Amino acid sequence: MKDIQAFFQDKKIRIVDHSNPATLGTAMASFAADDTLCQTAGRNANEVATRFWVHDHTVVLGILDTRLPNMEEALAFLRKQGFDVVVRNSGGLAVVLDAGVLNFSFVFADTKEMGIHSGYELMTAFIQELFRDYTSDVKAYEIVGSYCPGDYDLSISGKKFAGISQRRVKKGIAVQIYLCIEGSGRARADLVRQFYALGQAIEDERFSYPVVEPDTMRSLTELLGVEMTVADVQKRVVALLREYGAELIECDLDEDELNVFEKRMHQMVDRNNKALG
């Protein structure tokens, strides 16, 4: 993604605001919502959406996490700590969501120009621009010791504060990011460390689970040394899109999309019932 401004310039961008944790309830609904928007984008090459979502006290697992040798005890630990547990429908491993974590997605058509890395590069460039008035040190590379490590971990001074994932459905692409804005990055990472320890991840010879080192992770508030809230960052995203010349239209799922959403939600519920028992 060579020119991020050109991607957004003069486009009508639909804003879907699910940042109130009570709006959708379980995080399963957020993955169903992004799949729904993918289907809409896949039918219209000019359709671009930005969806904000926040879920409190939730741990989102990857399918590999559900195959831990001692999954039952690890799962019981998370629930005892007051966390809802959801299995995502895309790749990746365990991440922690709470009221201090902002997720947002860019959803657009899957065209020939959008290669496998293009979505990741788009989001990386956008985040670098989003916080350019605070730092020029946002880098994208795997932070070993973080939870859900990957090539597009975002970090400042080697400390991870965000991760990017991507899902392609029905000729649409959802590029999703979780941004740890407030609170303690170490505390979130330590929760996942305990989850893997109780799940006996180190004893599993089939899969390689991350060895989580809590000191590798921080929130943006900790890294930048400023008080920053989820709402502040959400406003920044909207302002930057306007700066790029996009026309923003706030619009939730319509009636047709709600029908698709219900089907996708049923799929998520079935997936979670099978994975978690």
Protein backbone atom coordinates (compact mmCIF):
# COMPACT_ATOMS: atom_id res chain seq x y z
CA MET A 1 0.00 0.00 0.00
CA LYS A 2 2.11 2.85 -1.37
CA ASP A 3 -0.28 5.81 -0.98
CA ILE A 4 -2.68 5.54 1.93
CA GLN A 5 -4.26 8.93 1.29
CA ALA A 6 -5.09 7.95 -2.29
CA PHE A 7 -6.91 4.87 -1.02
CA PHE A 8 -9.31 6.91 1.11
CA GLN A 9 -9.48 10.16 -0.87
CA ASP A 10 -12.89 11.07 -2.30
CA LYS A 11 -14.42 7.82 -1.07
CA LYS A 12 -17.68 7.60 0.82
CA ILE A 13 -16.81 5.73 3.99
CA ARG A 14 -19.52 4.21 6.09
CA ILE A 15 -18.98 4.50 9.85
CA VAL A 16 -20.47 1.68 11.91
CA ASP A 17 -20.12 2.51 15.59
CA HIS A 18 -20.32 -0.49 17.91
CA SER A 19 -17.96 1.00 20.49
CA ASN A 20 -20.49 0.72 23.31
CA PRO A 21 -19.86 -2.78 24.75
CA ALA A 22 -23.60 -3.18 25.35
CA THR A 23 -24.45 -2.72 21.65
CA LEU A 24 -23.57 -6.23 20.49
CA GLY A 25 -22.89 -8.03 23.75
CA THR A 26 -20.66 -11.00 23.00
CA ALA A 27 -17.62 -10.58 20.76
CA MET A 28 -19.03 -13.35 18.55
CA ALA A 29 -21.39 -10.70 17.20
CA SER A 30 -18.47 -8.48 16.14
CA PHE A 31 -16.95 -11.19 14.00
CA ALA A 32 -20.39 -11.87 12.51
CA ALA A 33 -20.83 -8.14 11.82
CA ASP A 34 -17.51 -7.87 9.98
CA ASP A 35 -18.40 -10.92 7.86
CA THR A 36 -21.70 -9.23 7.03
CA LEU A 37 -19.95 -6.04 5.95
CA CYS A 38 -17.54 -8.12 3.86
CA GLN A 39 -20.46 -9.53 1.92
CA THR A 40 -21.80 -6.02 1.32
CA ALA A 41 -18.40 -4.77 0.17
CA GLY A 42 -17.97 -7.80 -2.07
CA ARG A 43 -21.06 -6.78 -4.02
CA ASN A 44 -19.95 -3.17 -4.44
CA ALA A 45 -16.37 -2.24 -5.25
CA ASN A 46 -17.02 1.32 -4.03
CA GLU A 47 -18.23 0.20 -0.58
CA VAL A 48 -15.79 1.00 2.24
CA ALA A 49 -16.71 0.72 5.91
CA THR A 50 -14.97 1.51 9.16
CA ARG A 51 -16.42 -0.31 12.16
CA PHE A 52 -15.50 0.43 15.77
CA TRP A 53 -16.00 -2.25 18.40
CA VAL A 54 -15.28 -2.64 22.11
CA HIS A 55 -15.93 -5.69 24.30
CA ASP A 56 -15.23 -5.70 28.01
CA HIS A 57 -13.75 -8.62 29.98
CA THR A 58 -13.34 -10.88 26.95
CA VAL A 59 -10.59 -13.22 25.83
CA VAL A 60 -10.73 -14.09 22.14
CA LEU A 61 -9.10 -17.42 21.32
CA GLY A 62 -7.85 -18.88 18.07
CA ILE A 63 -8.89 -22.39 17.15
CA LEU A 64 -5.43 -23.71 18.10
CA ASP A 65 -5.92 -22.41 21.63
CA THR A 66 -8.88 -24.74 22.07
CA ARG A 67 -6.55 -27.71 21.52
CA LEU A 68 -4.35 -27.09 24.55
CA PRO A 69 -3.63 -30.30 26.48
CA ASN A 70 -5.34 -28.98 29.61
CA MET A 71 -7.91 -26.70 27.98
CA GLU A 72 -10.63 -27.29 30.58
CA GLU A 73 -8.54 -25.91 33.45
CA ALA A 74 -7.25 -23.00 31.38
CA LEU A 75 -10.79 -22.11 30.33
CA ALA A 76 -12.07 -22.37 33.92
CA PHE A 77 -9.30 -19.98 35.01
CA LEU A 78 -10.36 -17.28 32.52
CA ARG A 79 -14.00 -17.58 33.49
CA LYS A 80 -13.15 -17.45 37.19
CA GLN A 81 -11.37 -14.14 36.50
CA GLY A 82 -14.65 -12.83 35.07
CA PHE A 83 -13.82 -13.11 31.36
CA ASP A 84 -16.15 -14.20 28.60
CA VAL A 85 -14.34 -16.54 26.20
CA VAL A 86 -14.96 -16.48 22.45
CA VAL A 87 -13.34 -18.41 19.60
CA ARG A 88 -12.77 -16.25 16.52
CA ASN A 89 -13.51 -17.29 12.96
CA SER A 90 -10.14 -16.12 11.65
CA GLY A 91 -6.56 -17.08 12.37
CA GLY A 92 -4.41 -16.05 15.29
CA LEU A 93 -4.18 -16.88 18.96
CA ALA A 94 -5.43 -15.54 22.30
CA VAL A 95 -5.92 -11.78 22.78
CA VAL A 96 -7.46 -9.81 25.64
CA LEU A 97 -10.27 -7.31 25.08
CA ASP A 98 -11.57 -4.88 27.69
CA ALA A 99 -12.90 -1.35 28.00
CA GLY A 100 -9.39 0.04 27.41
CA VAL A 101 -8.94 -1.77 24.10
CA LEU A 102 -10.31 -0.28 20.87
CA ASN A 103 -10.88 -2.56 17.90
CA PHE A 104 -11.68 -1.20 14.50
CA SER A 105 -11.97 -2.68 11.04
CA PHE A 106 -11.57 -1.40 7.52
CA VAL A 107 -13.87 -3.38 5.23
CA PHE A 108 -13.62 -3.12 1.45
CA ALA A 109 -13.83 -5.13 -1.77
CA ASP A 110 -11.26 -7.83 -2.50
CA THR A 111 -9.79 -6.58 -5.78
CA LYS A 112 -6.76 -7.72 -7.80
CA GLU A 113 -4.86 -4.72 -6.48
CA MET A 114 -5.27 -5.85 -2.87
CA GLY A 115 -2.66 -8.55 -2.41
CA ILE A 116 -2.33 -10.60 0.77
CA HIS A 117 -0.05 -8.03 2.40
CA SER A 118 -1.85 -4.90 1.17
CA GLY A 119 -4.47 -4.85 3.94
CA TYR A 120 -1.83 -5.21 6.65
CA GLU A 121 0.27 -2.45 5.09
CA LEU A 122 -2.78 -0.18 4.81
CA MET A 123 -3.57 -0.52 8.50
CA THR A 124 0.07 -0.17 9.54
CA ALA A 125 0.47 3.06 7.56
CA PHE A 126 -2.81 4.40 8.94
CA ILE A 127 -1.75 3.81 12.57
CA GLN A 128 1.64 5.39 11.93
CA GLU A 129 -0.16 8.48 10.62
CA LEU A 130 -2.75 8.36 13.42
CA PHE A 131 -0.12 8.98 16.10
CA ARG A 132 2.43 10.96 14.07
CA ASP A 133 2.07 13.97 16.38
CA TYR A 134 3.29 11.83 19.29
CA THR A 135 5.88 9.51 17.76
CA SER A 136 7.59 8.40 14.57
CA ASP A 137 8.61 5.10 16.16
CA VAL A 138 5.59 2.89 15.37
CA LYS A 139 7.10 -0.22 13.79
CA ALA A 140 5.62 -3.42 12.35
CA TYR A 141 7.45 -6.68 13.08
CA GLU A 142 6.92 -9.72 15.28
CA ILE A 143 7.40 -9.04 18.98
CA VAL A 144 8.63 -12.34 20.38
CA GLY A 145 7.14 -12.92 23.84
CA SER A 146 3.90 -11.06 23.11
CA TYR A 147 0.56 -12.77 22.89
CA CYS A 148 -0.79 -13.53 19.39
CA PRO A 149 2.59 -12.69 17.80
CA GLY A 150 2.83 -11.97 14.08
CA ASP A 151 4.70 -10.08 11.39
CA TYR A 152 2.36 -7.11 11.79
CA ASP A 153 2.63 -6.59 15.53
CA LEU A 154 2.75 -2.82 16.09
CA SER A 155 5.21 -1.57 18.67
CA ILE A 156 6.97 1.49 20.02
CA SER A 157 10.49 1.05 21.38
CA GLY A 158 10.06 -2.69 21.02
CA LYS A 159 6.90 -2.87 23.16
CA LYS A 160 3.77 -4.18 21.45
CA PHE A 161 0.52 -2.22 21.74
CA ALA A 162 -1.49 -3.54 18.77
CA GLY A 163 -2.00 -6.47 16.44
CA ILE A 164 -3.57 -6.74 12.98
CA SER A 165 -5.58 -9.57 11.50
CA GLN A 166 -7.33 -10.02 8.18
CA ARG A 167 -10.36 -11.96 7.01
CA ARG A 168 -11.64 -12.45 3.45
CA VAL A 169 -15.30 -13.39 2.93
CA LYS A 170 -17.46 -13.36 -0.21
CA LYS A 171 -15.09 -11.09 -2.18
CA GLY A 172 -14.76 -8.68 0.75
CA ILE A 173 -11.84 -8.00 3.09
CA ALA A 174 -11.96 -7.02 6.75
CA VAL A 175 -8.68 -5.72 8.13
CA GLN A 176 -9.05 -5.75 11.91
CA ILE A 177 -6.85 -4.20 14.58
CA TYR A 178 -6.91 -4.27 18.36
CA LEU A 179 -5.29 -1.26 20.00
CA CYS A 180 -4.42 -1.36 23.69
CA ILE A 181 -5.12 2.27 24.58
CA GLU A 182 -5.61 2.40 28.35
CA GLY A 183 -4.58 0.29 31.30
CA SER A 184 -1.70 -2.14 31.72
CA GLY A 185 -0.30 -4.05 28.77
CA ARG A 186 1.69 -6.20 31.16
CA ALA A 187 -1.43 -7.22 33.10
CA ARG A 188 -3.21 -8.31 29.94
CA ALA A 189 -0.17 -10.29 28.83
CA ASP A 190 0.18 -11.90 32.24
CA LEU A 191 -3.42 -13.14 32.04
CA VAL A 192 -2.60 -14.87 28.74
CA ARG A 193 0.68 -16.20 30.20
CA GLN A 194 -1.27 -17.86 33.02
CA PHE A 195 -3.81 -19.22 30.53
CA TYR A 196 -1.08 -20.98 28.54
CA ALA A 197 0.66 -22.20 31.69
CA LEU A 198 -2.53 -23.79 33.02
CA GLY A 199 -3.29 -25.18 29.58
CA GLN A 200 0.13 -26.90 29.61
CA ALA A 201 1.07 -25.29 26.31
CA ILE A 202 4.76 -25.99 26.79
CA GLU A 203 4.07 -29.75 26.89
CA ASP A 204 2.21 -29.82 23.58
CA GLU A 205 4.35 -31.39 20.85
CA ARG A 206 1.78 -30.81 18.07
CA PHE A 207 1.64 -27.02 18.09
CA SER A 208 3.99 -24.19 19.04
CA TYR A 209 2.26 -21.79 21.42
CA PRO A 210 3.83 -18.44 22.34
CA VAL A 211 5.87 -18.22 25.51
CA VAL A 212 4.35 -14.97 26.76
CA GLU A 213 6.65 -12.52 28.52
CA PRO A 214 4.46 -9.75 30.00
CA ASP A 215 7.20 -7.11 29.77
CA THR A 216 6.96 -7.17 25.96
CA MET A 217 3.54 -5.47 26.00
CA ARG A 218 2.28 -2.00 26.91
CA SER A 219 -0.72 0.27 26.31
CA LEU A 220 -0.42 3.46 24.28
CA THR A 221 -1.00 5.51 27.41
CA GLU A 222 2.02 3.85 28.99
CA LEU A 223 4.19 4.17 25.89
CA LEU A 224 3.37 7.78 25.03
CA GLY A 225 3.18 9.04 28.59
CA VAL A 226 -0.14 10.80 27.98
CA GLU A 227 -3.66 10.12 29.17
CA MET A 228 -5.46 8.76 26.13
CA THR A 229 -8.88 7.08 26.04
CA VAL A 230 -10.62 4.75 23.63
CA ALA A 231 -12.99 7.60 22.73
CA ASP A 232 -10.02 9.90 22.00
CA VAL A 233 -8.54 7.43 19.54
CA GLN A 234 -11.89 6.80 17.88
CA LYS A 235 -12.19 10.55 17.24
CA ARG A 236 -8.66 10.55 15.84
CA VAL A 237 -9.56 7.83 13.34
CA VAL A 238 -12.57 9.81 12.11
CA ALA A 239 -10.55 13.03 11.90
CA LEU A 240 -7.77 11.37 9.88
CA LEU A 241 -10.23 9.89 7.40
CA ARG A 242 -11.68 13.38 6.91
CA GLU A 243 -8.16 14.77 6.52
CA TYR A 244 -7.62 12.27 3.71
CA GLY A 245 -10.64 13.69 1.92
CA ALA A 246 -13.16 10.94 2.64
CA GLU A 247 -16.88 11.63 3.02
CA LEU A 248 -18.11 9.91 6.18
CA ILE A 249 -21.62 8.55 6.58
CA GLU A 250 -22.70 6.97 9.87
CA CYS A 251 -24.92 3.98 9.13
CA ASP A 252 -25.55 0.78 11.08
CA LEU A 253 -26.54 -2.56 9.52
CA ASP A 254 -29.67 -2.30 7.37
CA GLU A 255 -32.51 -4.83 7.22
CA ASP A 256 -30.94 -6.99 4.51
CA GLU A 257 -27.62 -6.99 6.33
CA LEU A 258 -29.30 -7.95 9.59
CA ASN A 259 -30.59 -11.09 7.88
CA VAL A 260 -27.03 -11.96 6.82
CA PHE A 261 -25.80 -11.08 10.30
CA GLU A 262 -28.22 -13.54 11.89
CA LYS A 263 -26.90 -16.35 9.70
CA ARG A 264 -23.31 -15.43 10.45
CA MET A 265 -24.11 -15.22 14.14
CA HIS A 266 -25.58 -18.73 14.11
CA GLN A 267 -22.35 -19.94 12.51
CA MET A 268 -20.30 -18.27 15.24
CA VAL A 269 -22.45 -19.78 17.99
CA ASP A 270 -22.14 -23.25 16.44
CA ARG A 271 -18.37 -22.82 16.08
CA ASN A 272 -18.04 -21.81 19.75
CA ASN A 273 -20.28 -24.59 20.99
CA LYS A 274 -18.18 -27.15 19.16
CA ALA A 275 -14.86 -25.64 20.19
CA LEU A 276 -15.64 -24.93 23.85
CA GLY A 277 -18.22 -27.63 24.56
